Amino acid sequence: MSPQTQQLVLSIIIWVVVFGIFYFVLIKPQKKKEKELQDMRNNIKVGDEVVTIGGIIAHVAKVEEEKVILELGPNRNKVPFEKWAIGTVKQTKN
């Protein structure tokens, strides 16, 4: 092999290694986190205490396909939220 061909092969190998490192360090963990978040949102049940991404703490009154109805405050006002707006599920009422 000529020196130019060796340099070209070495450059390609370096780029493949760099892409592999980025994939396993950045892309794969992010996809795993997104999947866990989606699973958490899909498993919301009536009675769960949730925190929205805006910081509102409420209890789930009703679960629909893309929305959840949350009970807010002492008057238990019911307000619809998109499921993507749920940040965490704190606990389940028993």
PDB file of N, CA and C in Angstrom:
ATOM      1  N   MET A   1       0.843  -1.186   0.000  1.00  0.00           N
ATOM      2  CA  MET A   1       0.000   0.000   0.000  1.00  0.00           C
ATOM      3  C   MET A   1       0.882   1.240   0.000  1.00  0.00           C
ATOM      4  N   SER A   2       0.431   2.237  -0.733  1.00  0.00           N
ATOM      5  CA  SER A   2       1.192   3.484  -0.784  1.00  0.00           C
ATOM      6  C   SER A   2       0.940   4.288   0.493  1.00  0.00           C
ATOM      7  N   PRO A   3       1.815   5.202   0.828  1.00  0.00           N
ATOM      8  CA  PRO A   3       1.627   6.018   2.035  1.00  0.00           C
ATOM      9  C   PRO A   3       0.327   6.825   2.011  1.00  0.00           C
ATOM     10  N   GLN A   4      -0.091   7.281   0.834  1.00  0.00           N
ATOM     11  CA  GLN A   4      -1.346   8.052   0.750  1.00  0.00           C
ATOM     12  C   GLN A   4      -2.554   7.170   1.074  1.00  0.00           C
ATOM     13  N   THR A   5      -2.537   5.943   0.593  1.00  0.00           N
ATOM     14  CA  THR A   5      -3.632   5.014   0.867  1.00  0.00           C
ATOM     15  C   THR A   5      -3.670   4.679   2.358  1.00  0.00           C
ATOM     16  N   GLN A   6      -2.515   4.493   2.967  1.00  0.00           N
ATOM     17  CA  GLN A   6      -2.455   4.207   4.394  1.00  0.00           C
ATOM     18  C   GLN A   6      -3.012   5.373   5.215  1.00  0.00           C
ATOM     19  N   GLN A   7      -2.679   6.588   4.804  1.00  0.00           N
ATOM     20  CA  GLN A   7      -3.199   7.770   5.511  1.00  0.00           C
ATOM     21  C   GLN A   7      -4.710   7.859   5.371  1.00  0.00           C
ATOM     22  N   LEU A   8      -5.228   7.560   4.178  1.00  0.00           N
ATOM     23  CA  LEU A   8      -6.672   7.610   3.948  1.00  0.00           C
ATOM     24  C   LEU A   8      -7.387   6.571   4.828  1.00  0.00           C
ATOM     25  N   VAL A   9      -6.861   5.358   4.861  1.00  0.00           N
ATOM     26  CA  VAL A   9      -7.460   4.305   5.679  1.00  0.00           C
ATOM     27  C   VAL A   9      -7.403   4.688   7.150  1.00  0.00           C
ATOM     28  N   LEU A  10      -6.275   5.212   7.597  1.00  0.00           N
ATOM     29  CA  LEU A  10      -6.129   5.642   8.983  1.00  0.00           C
ATOM     30  C   LEU A  10      -7.115   6.755   9.329  1.00  0.00           C
ATOM     31  N   SER A  11      -7.323   7.711   8.422  1.00  0.00           N
ATOM     32  CA  SER A  11      -8.290   8.791   8.655  1.00  0.00           C
ATOM     33  C   SER A  11      -9.705   8.248   8.795  1.00  0.00           C
ATOM     34  N   ILE A  12     -10.056   7.312   7.929  1.00  0.00           N
ATOM     35  CA  ILE A  12     -11.400   6.729   7.992  1.00  0.00           C
ATOM     36  C   ILE A  12     -11.581   5.991   9.316  1.00  0.00           C
ATOM     37  N   ILE A  13     -10.581   5.229   9.727  1.00  0.00           N
ATOM     38  CA  ILE A  13     -10.664   4.493  10.992  1.00  0.00           C
ATOM     39  C   ILE A  13     -10.807   5.458  12.165  1.00  0.00           C
ATOM     40  N   ILE A  14     -10.067   6.543  12.159  1.00  0.00           N
ATOM     41  CA  ILE A  14     -10.161   7.536  13.231  1.00  0.00           C
ATOM     42  C   ILE A  14     -11.566   8.125  13.301  1.00  0.00           C
ATOM     43  N   TRP A  15     -12.159   8.476  12.152  1.00  0.00           N
ATOM     44  CA  TRP A  15     -13.510   9.042  12.148  1.00  0.00           C
ATOM     45  C   TRP A  15     -14.547   8.035  12.637  1.00  0.00           C
ATOM     46  N   VAL A  16     -14.375   6.769  12.266  1.00  0.00           N
ATOM     47  CA  VAL A  16     -15.301   5.736  12.732  1.00  0.00           C
ATOM     48  C   VAL A  16     -15.193   5.594  14.256  1.00  0.00           C
ATOM     49  N   VAL A  17     -13.982   5.607  14.785  1.00  0.00           N
ATOM     50  CA  VAL A  17     -13.776   5.508  16.233  1.00  0.00           C
ATOM     51  C   VAL A  17     -14.382   6.720  16.952  1.00  0.00           C
ATOM     52  N   VAL A  18     -14.179   7.916  16.413  1.00  0.00           N
ATOM     53  CA  VAL A  18     -14.734   9.131  17.016  1.00  0.00           C
ATOM     54  C   VAL A  18     -16.264   9.061  17.021  1.00  0.00           C
ATOM     55  N   PHE A  19     -16.860   8.634  15.902  1.00  0.00           N
ATOM     56  CA  PHE A  19     -18.313   8.515  15.852  1.00  0.00           C
ATOM     57  C   PHE A  19     -18.797   7.478  16.869  1.00  0.00           C
ATOM     58  N   GLY A  20     -18.086   6.357  16.978  1.00  0.00           N
ATOM     59  CA  GLY A  20     -18.456   5.324  17.942  1.00  0.00           C
ATOM     60  C   GLY A  20     -18.427   5.845  19.369  1.00  0.00           C
ATOM     61  N   ILE A  21     -17.399   6.621  19.696  1.00  0.00           N
ATOM     62  CA  ILE A  21     -17.306   7.203  21.039  1.00  0.00           C
ATOM     63  C   ILE A  21     -18.472   8.158  21.292  1.00  0.00           C
ATOM     64  N   PHE A  22     -18.780   9.031  20.326  1.00  0.00           N
ATOM     65  CA  PHE A  22     -19.915   9.944  20.484  1.00  0.00           C
ATOM     66  C   PHE A  22     -21.212   9.175  20.656  1.00  0.00           C
ATOM     67  N   TYR A  23     -21.378   8.106  19.898  1.00  0.00           N
ATOM     68  CA  TYR A  23     -22.611   7.335  19.992  1.00  0.00           C
ATOM     69  C   TYR A  23     -22.774   6.748  21.394  1.00  0.00           C
ATOM     70  N   PHE A  24     -21.735   6.096  21.901  1.00  0.00           N
ATOM     71  CA  PHE A  24     -21.862   5.419  23.198  1.00  0.00           C
ATOM     72  C   PHE A  24     -21.808   6.372  24.384  1.00  0.00           C
ATOM     73  N   VAL A  25     -21.248   7.577  24.204  1.00  0.00           N
ATOM     74  CA  VAL A  25     -21.160   8.520  25.316  1.00  0.00           C
ATOM     75  C   VAL A  25     -22.332   9.497  25.333  1.00  0.00           C
ATOM     76  N   LEU A  26     -22.808   9.903  24.167  1.00  0.00           N
ATOM     77  CA  LEU A  26     -23.850  10.930  24.117  1.00  0.00           C
ATOM     78  C   LEU A  26     -25.201  10.432  23.609  1.00  0.00           C
ATOM     79  N   ILE A  27     -25.235   9.769  22.478  1.00  0.00           N
ATOM     80  CA  ILE A  27     -26.498   9.443  21.816  1.00  0.00           C
ATOM     81  C   ILE A  27     -27.244   8.319  22.532  1.00  0.00           C
ATOM     82  N   LYS A  28     -26.580   7.212  22.815  1.00  0.00           N
ATOM     83  CA  LYS A  28     -27.248   6.065  23.433  1.00  0.00           C
ATOM     84  C   LYS A  28     -27.825   6.383  24.816  1.00  0.00           C
ATOM     85  N   PRO A  29     -27.074   7.045  25.725  1.00  0.00           N
ATOM     86  CA  PRO A  29     -27.669   7.384  27.028  1.00  0.00           C
ATOM     87  C   PRO A  29     -28.877   8.327  26.905  1.00  0.00           C
ATOM     88  N   GLN A  30     -28.825   9.257  25.954  1.00  0.00           N
ATOM     89  CA  GLN A  30     -29.946  10.177  25.764  1.00  0.00           C
ATOM     90  C   GLN A  30     -31.190   9.423  25.290  1.00  0.00           C
ATOM     91  N   LYS A  31     -31.017   8.490  24.364  1.00  0.00           N
ATOM     92  CA  LYS A  31     -32.158   7.703  23.884  1.00  0.00           C
ATOM     93  C   LYS A  31     -32.742   6.860  25.013  1.00  0.00           C
ATOM     94  N   LYS A  32     -31.873   6.303  25.873  1.00  0.00           N
ATOM     95  CA  LYS A  32     -32.344   5.504  26.995  1.00  0.00           C
ATOM     96  C   LYS A  32     -33.157   6.365  27.960  1.00  0.00           C
ATOM     97  N   LYS A  33     -32.676   7.573  28.235  1.00  0.00           N
ATOM     98  CA  LYS A  33     -33.381   8.485  29.138  1.00  0.00           C
ATOM     99  C   LYS A  33     -34.747   8.876  28.549  1.00  0.00           C
ATOM    100  N   GLU A  34     -34.786   9.151  27.246  1.00  0.00           N
ATOM    101  CA  GLU A  34     -36.052   9.508  26.598  1.00  0.00           C
ATOM    102  C   GLU A  34     -37.043   8.348  26.660  1.00  0.00           C
ATOM    103  N   LYS A  35     -36.564   7.118  26.468  1.00  0.00           N
ATOM    104  CA  LYS A  35     -37.439   5.951  26.530  1.00  0.00           C
ATOM    105  C   LYS A  35     -37.994   5.774  27.942  1.00  0.00           C
ATOM    106  N   GLU A  36     -37.157   5.938  28.965  1.00  0.00           N
ATOM    107  CA  GLU A  36     -37.621   5.815  30.350  1.00  0.00           C
ATOM    108  C   GLU A  36     -38.666   6.875  30.672  1.00  0.00           C
ATOM    109  N   LEU A  37     -38.456   8.107  30.187  1.00  0.00           N
ATOM    110  CA  LEU A  37     -39.408   9.193  30.412  1.00  0.00           C
ATOM    111  C   LEU A  37     -40.737   8.898  29.719  1.00  0.00           C
ATOM    112  N   GLN A  38     -40.674   8.384  28.493  1.00  0.00           N
ATOM    113  CA  GLN A  38     -41.894   8.036  27.758  1.00  0.00           C
ATOM    114  C   GLN A  38     -42.641   6.905  28.467  1.00  0.00           C
ATOM    115  N   ASP A  39     -41.913   5.901  28.949  1.00  0.00           N
ATOM    116  CA  ASP A  39     -42.555   4.802  29.679  1.00  0.00           C
ATOM    117  C   ASP A  39     -43.226   5.313  30.948  1.00  0.00           C
ATOM    118  N   MET A  40     -42.559   6.232  31.673  1.00  0.00           N
ATOM    119  CA  MET A  40     -43.129   6.796  32.894  1.00  0.00           C
ATOM    120  C   MET A  40     -44.427   7.537  32.564  1.00  0.00           C
ATOM    121  N   ARG A  41     -44.417   8.305  31.490  1.00  0.00           N
ATOM    122  CA  ARG A  41     -45.631   9.057  31.117  1.00  0.00           C
ATOM    123  C   ARG A  41     -46.747   8.134  30.653  1.00  0.00           C
ATOM    124  N   ASN A  42     -46.404   7.030  30.000  1.00  0.00           N
ATOM    125  CA  ASN A  42     -47.426   6.088  29.538  1.00  0.00           C
ATOM    126  C   ASN A  42     -48.017   5.271  30.684  1.00  0.00           C
ATOM    127  N   ASN A  43     -47.326   5.185  31.821  1.00  0.00           N
ATOM    128  CA  ASN A  43     -47.797   4.396  32.953  1.00  0.00           C
ATOM    129  C   ASN A  43     -48.441   5.231  34.053  1.00  0.00           C
ATOM    130  N   ILE A  44     -48.792   6.476  33.761  1.00  0.00           N
ATOM    131  CA  ILE A  44     -49.470   7.322  34.742  1.00  0.00           C
ATOM    132  C   ILE A  44     -50.866   6.757  34.991  1.00  0.00           C
ATOM    133  N   LYS A  45     -51.245   6.673  36.282  1.00  0.00           N
ATOM    134  CA  LYS A  45     -52.550   6.146  36.654  1.00  0.00           C
ATOM    135  C   LYS A  45     -53.319   7.192  37.457  1.00  0.00           C
ATOM    136  N   VAL A  46     -54.620   7.033  37.513  1.00  0.00           N
ATOM    137  CA  VAL A  46     -55.465   7.895  38.334  1.00  0.00           C
ATOM    138  C   VAL A  46     -55.007   7.759  39.779  1.00  0.00           C
ATOM    139  N   GLY A  47     -54.841   8.900  40.449  1.00  0.00           N
ATOM    140  CA  GLY A  47     -54.416   8.920  41.840  1.00  0.00           C
ATOM    141  C   GLY A  47     -52.934   9.198  42.018  1.00  0.00           C
ATOM    142  N   ASP A  48     -52.140   9.078  40.948  1.00  0.00           N
ATOM    143  CA  ASP A  48     -50.712   9.373  41.055  1.00  0.00           C
ATOM    144  C   ASP A  48     -50.504  10.854  41.351  1.00  0.00           C
ATOM    145  N   GLU A  49     -49.487  11.145  42.142  1.00  0.00           N
ATOM    146  CA  GLU A  49     -49.096  12.529  42.375  1.00  0.00           C
ATOM    147  C   GLU A  49     -47.974  12.834  41.389  1.00  0.00           C
ATOM    148  N   VAL A  50     -48.153  13.888  40.600  1.00  0.00           N
ATOM    149  CA  VAL A  50     -47.190  14.225  39.558  1.00  0.00           C
ATOM    150  C   VAL A  50     -46.695  15.650  39.727  1.00  0.00           C
ATOM    151  N   VAL A  51     -45.540  15.910  39.130  1.00  0.00           N
ATOM    152  CA  VAL A  51     -44.994  17.259  39.062  1.00  0.00           C
ATOM    153  C   VAL A  51     -44.827  17.579  37.585  1.00  0.00           C
ATOM    154  N   THR A  52     -45.412  18.692  37.141  1.00  0.00           N
ATOM    155  CA  THR A  52     -45.278  19.079  35.739  1.00  0.00           C
ATOM    156  C   THR A  52     -43.903  19.693  35.510  1.00  0.00           C
ATOM    157  N   ILE A  53     -43.554  19.875  34.241  1.00  0.00           N
ATOM    158  CA  ILE A  53     -42.263  20.490  33.933  1.00  0.00           C
ATOM    159  C   ILE A  53     -42.230  21.947  34.377  1.00  0.00           C
ATOM    160  N   GLY A  54     -43.386  22.519  34.660  1.00  0.00           N
ATOM    161  CA  GLY A  54     -43.459  23.882  35.175  1.00  0.00           C
ATOM    162  C   GLY A  54     -43.434  23.952  36.692  1.00  0.00           C
ATOM    163  N   GLY A  55     -43.402  22.788  37.366  1.00  0.00           N
ATOM    164  CA  GLY A  55     -43.312  22.759  38.814  1.00  0.00           C
ATOM    165  C   GLY A  55     -44.635  22.638  39.541  1.00  0.00           C
ATOM    166  N   ILE A  56     -45.725  22.434  38.830  1.00  0.00           N
ATOM    167  CA  ILE A  56     -47.032  22.295  39.473  1.00  0.00           C
ATOM    168  C   ILE A  56     -47.168  20.878  40.016  1.00  0.00           C
ATOM    169  N   ILE A  57     -47.524  20.774  41.298  1.00  0.00           N
ATOM    170  CA  ILE A  57     -47.736  19.471  41.934  1.00  0.00           C
ATOM    171  C   ILE A  57     -49.239  19.235  41.978  1.00  0.00           C
ATOM    172  N   ALA A  58     -49.681  18.079  41.478  1.00  0.00           N
ATOM    173  CA  ALA A  58     -51.110  17.796  41.401  1.00  0.00           C
ATOM    174  C   ALA A  58     -51.337  16.292  41.431  1.00  0.00           C
ATOM    175  N   HIS A  59     -52.611  15.912  41.578  1.00  0.00           N
ATOM    176  CA  HIS A  59     -52.995  14.504  41.531  1.00  0.00           C
ATOM    177  C   HIS A  59     -53.727  14.248  40.216  1.00  0.00           C
ATOM    178  N   VAL A  60     -53.529  13.066  39.672  1.00  0.00           N
ATOM    179  CA  VAL A  60     -54.151  12.695  38.403  1.00  0.00           C
ATOM    180  C   VAL A  60     -55.597  12.300  38.663  1.00  0.00           C
ATOM    181  N   ALA A  61     -56.536  12.966  37.968  1.00  0.00           N
ATOM    182  CA  ALA A  61     -57.956  12.666  38.106  1.00  0.00           C
ATOM    183  C   ALA A  61     -58.442  11.767  36.970  1.00  0.00           C
ATOM    184  N   LYS A  62     -57.830  11.928  35.778  1.00  0.00           N
ATOM    185  CA  LYS A  62     -58.262  11.152  34.621  1.00  0.00           C
ATOM    186  C   LYS A  62     -57.095  11.063  33.654  1.00  0.00           C
ATOM    187  N   VAL A  63     -56.955   9.915  32.997  1.00  0.00           N
ATOM    188  CA  VAL A  63     -55.894   9.720  32.008  1.00  0.00           C
ATOM    189  C   VAL A  63     -56.553   9.474  30.658  1.00  0.00           C
ATOM    190  N   GLU A  64     -56.176  10.281  29.673  1.00  0.00           N
ATOM    191  CA  GLU A  64     -56.639  10.097  28.306  1.00  0.00           C
ATOM    192  C   GLU A  64     -55.431   9.717  27.454  1.00  0.00           C
ATOM    193  N   GLU A  65     -55.641   9.560  26.155  1.00  0.00           N
ATOM    194  CA  GLU A  65     -54.548   9.114  25.293  1.00  0.00           C
ATOM    195  C   GLU A  65     -53.357  10.066  25.293  1.00  0.00           C
ATOM    196  N   GLU A  66     -53.583  11.337  25.031  1.00  0.00           N
ATOM    197  CA  GLU A  66     -52.495  12.316  24.956  1.00  0.00           C
ATOM    198  C   GLU A  66     -52.544  13.345  26.080  1.00  0.00           C
ATOM    199  N   LYS A  67     -53.574  13.297  26.909  1.00  0.00           N
ATOM    200  CA  LYS A  67     -53.745  14.289  27.973  1.00  0.00           C
ATOM    201  C   LYS A  67     -54.001  13.600  29.302  1.00  0.00           C
ATOM    202  N   VAL A  68     -53.751  14.348  30.367  1.00  0.00           N
ATOM    203  CA  VAL A  68     -54.142  13.923  31.711  1.00  0.00           C
ATOM    204  C   VAL A  68     -54.898  15.088  32.341  1.00  0.00           C
ATOM    205  N   ILE A  69     -55.896  14.768  33.128  1.00  0.00           N
ATOM    206  CA  ILE A  69     -56.649  15.783  33.854  1.00  0.00           C
ATOM    207  C   ILE A  69     -56.100  15.769  35.277  1.00  0.00           C
ATOM    208  N   LEU A  70     -55.595  16.927  35.724  1.00  0.00           N
ATOM    209  CA  LEU A  70     -54.991  17.028  37.041  1.00  0.00           C
ATOM    210  C   LEU A  70     -55.873  17.821  37.983  1.00  0.00           C
ATOM    211  N   GLU A  71     -55.910  17.412  39.262  1.00  0.00           N
ATOM    212  CA  GLU A  71     -56.627  18.144  40.311  1.00  0.00           C
ATOM    213  C   GLU A  71     -55.627  19.042  41.008  1.00  0.00           C
ATOM    214  N   LEU A  72     -55.927  20.343  41.019  1.00  0.00           N
ATOM    215  CA  LEU A  72     -55.022  21.338  41.593  1.00  0.00           C
ATOM    216  C   LEU A  72     -55.652  22.025  42.790  1.00  0.00           C
ATOM    217  N   GLY A  73     -54.846  22.284  43.809  1.00  0.00           N
ATOM    218  CA  GLY A  73     -55.248  23.128  44.928  1.00  0.00           C
ATOM    219  C   GLY A  73     -56.287  22.527  45.837  1.00  0.00           C
ATOM    220  N   PRO A  74     -56.655  23.295  46.868  1.00  0.00           N
ATOM    221  CA  PRO A  74     -57.608  22.801  47.869  1.00  0.00           C
ATOM    222  C   PRO A  74     -59.025  22.648  47.308  1.00  0.00           C
ATOM    223  N   ASN A  75     -59.355  23.396  46.258  1.00  0.00           N
ATOM    224  CA  ASN A  75     -60.687  23.283  45.650  1.00  0.00           C
ATOM    225  C   ASN A  75     -60.768  22.129  44.669  1.00  0.00           C
ATOM    226  N   ARG A  76     -59.636  21.461  44.432  1.00  0.00           N
ATOM    227  CA  ARG A  76     -59.552  20.323  43.515  1.00  0.00           C
ATOM    228  C   ARG A  76     -60.024  20.685  42.113  1.00  0.00           C
ATOM    229  N   ASN A  77     -59.595  21.865  41.662  1.00  0.00           N
ATOM    230  CA  ASN A  77     -59.920  22.268  40.298  1.00  0.00           C
ATOM    231  C   ASN A  77     -59.274  21.301  39.321  1.00  0.00           C
ATOM    232  N   LYS A  78     -60.015  20.922  38.296  1.00  0.00           N
ATOM    233  CA  LYS A  78     -59.506  19.983  37.303  1.00  0.00           C
ATOM    234  C   LYS A  78     -59.014  20.756  36.077  1.00  0.00           C
ATOM    235  N   VAL A  79     -57.763  20.494  35.711  1.00  0.00           N
ATOM    236  CA  VAL A  79     -57.125  21.202  34.596  1.00  0.00           C
ATOM    237  C   VAL A  79     -56.473  20.174  33.681  1.00  0.00           C
ATOM    238  N   PRO A  80     -56.718  20.266  32.353  1.00  0.00           N
ATOM    239  CA  PRO A  80     -56.078  19.326  31.429  1.00  0.00           C
ATOM    240  C   PRO A  80     -54.626  19.726  31.139  1.00  0.00           C
ATOM    241  N   PHE A  81     -53.759  18.726  31.043  1.00  0.00           N
ATOM    242  CA  PHE A  81     -52.360  18.913  30.666  1.00  0.00           C
ATOM    243  C   PHE A  81     -52.003  17.874  29.616  1.00  0.00           C
ATOM    244  N   GLU A  82     -51.105  18.240  28.714  1.00  0.00           N
ATOM    245  CA  GLU A  82     -50.561  17.268  27.773  1.00  0.00           C
ATOM    246  C   GLU A  82     -49.654  16.327  28.552  1.00  0.00           C
ATOM    247  N   LYS A  83     -49.570  15.065  28.135  1.00  0.00           N
ATOM    248  CA  LYS A  83     -48.711  14.111  28.839  1.00  0.00           C
ATOM    249  C   LYS A  83     -47.243  14.520  28.800  1.00  0.00           C
ATOM    250  N   TRP A  84     -46.812  15.158  27.727  1.00  0.00           N
ATOM    251  CA  TRP A  84     -45.399  15.554  27.629  1.00  0.00           C
ATOM    252  C   TRP A  84     -45.035  16.591  28.679  1.00  0.00           C
ATOM    253  N   ALA A  85     -46.027  17.243  29.281  1.00  0.00           N
ATOM    254  CA  ALA A  85     -45.763  18.270  30.289  1.00  0.00           C
ATOM    255  C   ALA A  85     -45.553  17.678  31.688  1.00  0.00           C
ATOM    256  N   ILE A  86     -45.694  16.370  31.835  1.00  0.00           N
ATOM    257  CA  ILE A  86     -45.460  15.727  33.130  1.00  0.00           C
ATOM    258  C   ILE A  86     -43.964  15.458  33.253  1.00  0.00           C
ATOM    259  N   GLY A  87     -43.359  16.010  34.310  1.00  0.00           N
ATOM    260  CA  GLY A  87     -41.924  15.843  34.513  1.00  0.00           C
ATOM    261  C   GLY A  87     -41.580  14.612  35.319  1.00  0.00           C
ATOM    262  N   THR A  88     -42.308  14.393  36.424  1.00  0.00           N
ATOM    263  CA  THR A  88     -42.049  13.227  37.274  1.00  0.00           C
ATOM    264  C   THR A  88     -43.341  12.753  37.918  1.00  0.00           C
ATOM    265  N   VAL A  89     -43.351  11.489  38.280  1.00  0.00           N
ATOM    266  CA  VAL A  89     -44.429  10.923  39.084  1.00  0.00           C
ATOM    267  C   VAL A  89     -43.859  10.741  40.466  1.00  0.00           C
ATOM    268  N   LYS A  90     -44.415  11.474  41.459  1.00  0.00           N
ATOM    269  CA  LYS A  90     -43.841  11.437  42.813  1.00  0.00           C
ATOM    270  C   LYS A  90     -44.228  10.194  43.574  1.00  0.00           C
ATOM    271  N   GLN A  91     -45.514   9.854  43.593  1.00  0.00           N
ATOM    272  CA  GLN A  91     -45.962   8.698  44.358  1.00  0.00           C
ATOM    273  C   GLN A  91     -47.352   8.316  43.902  1.00  0.00           C
ATOM    274  N   THR A  92     -47.811   7.171  44.328  1.00  0.00           N
ATOM    275  CA  THR A  92     -49.147   6.692  43.999  1.00  0.00           C
ATOM    276  C   THR A  92     -49.980   6.697  45.264  1.00  0.00           C
ATOM    277  N   LYS A  93     -51.208   7.216  45.172  1.00  0.00           N
ATOM    278  CA  LYS A  93     -52.151   7.144  46.287  1.00  0.00           C
ATOM    279  C   LYS A  93     -52.555   5.704  46.499  1.00  0.00           C
ATOM    280  N   ASN A  94     -52.684   5.284  47.736  1.00  0.00           N
ATOM    281  CA  ASN A  94     -53.149   3.926  48.028  1.00  0.00           C
ATOM    282  C   ASN A  94     -54.488   3.938  48.696  1.00  0.00           C
TER     283      ASN A  94
END
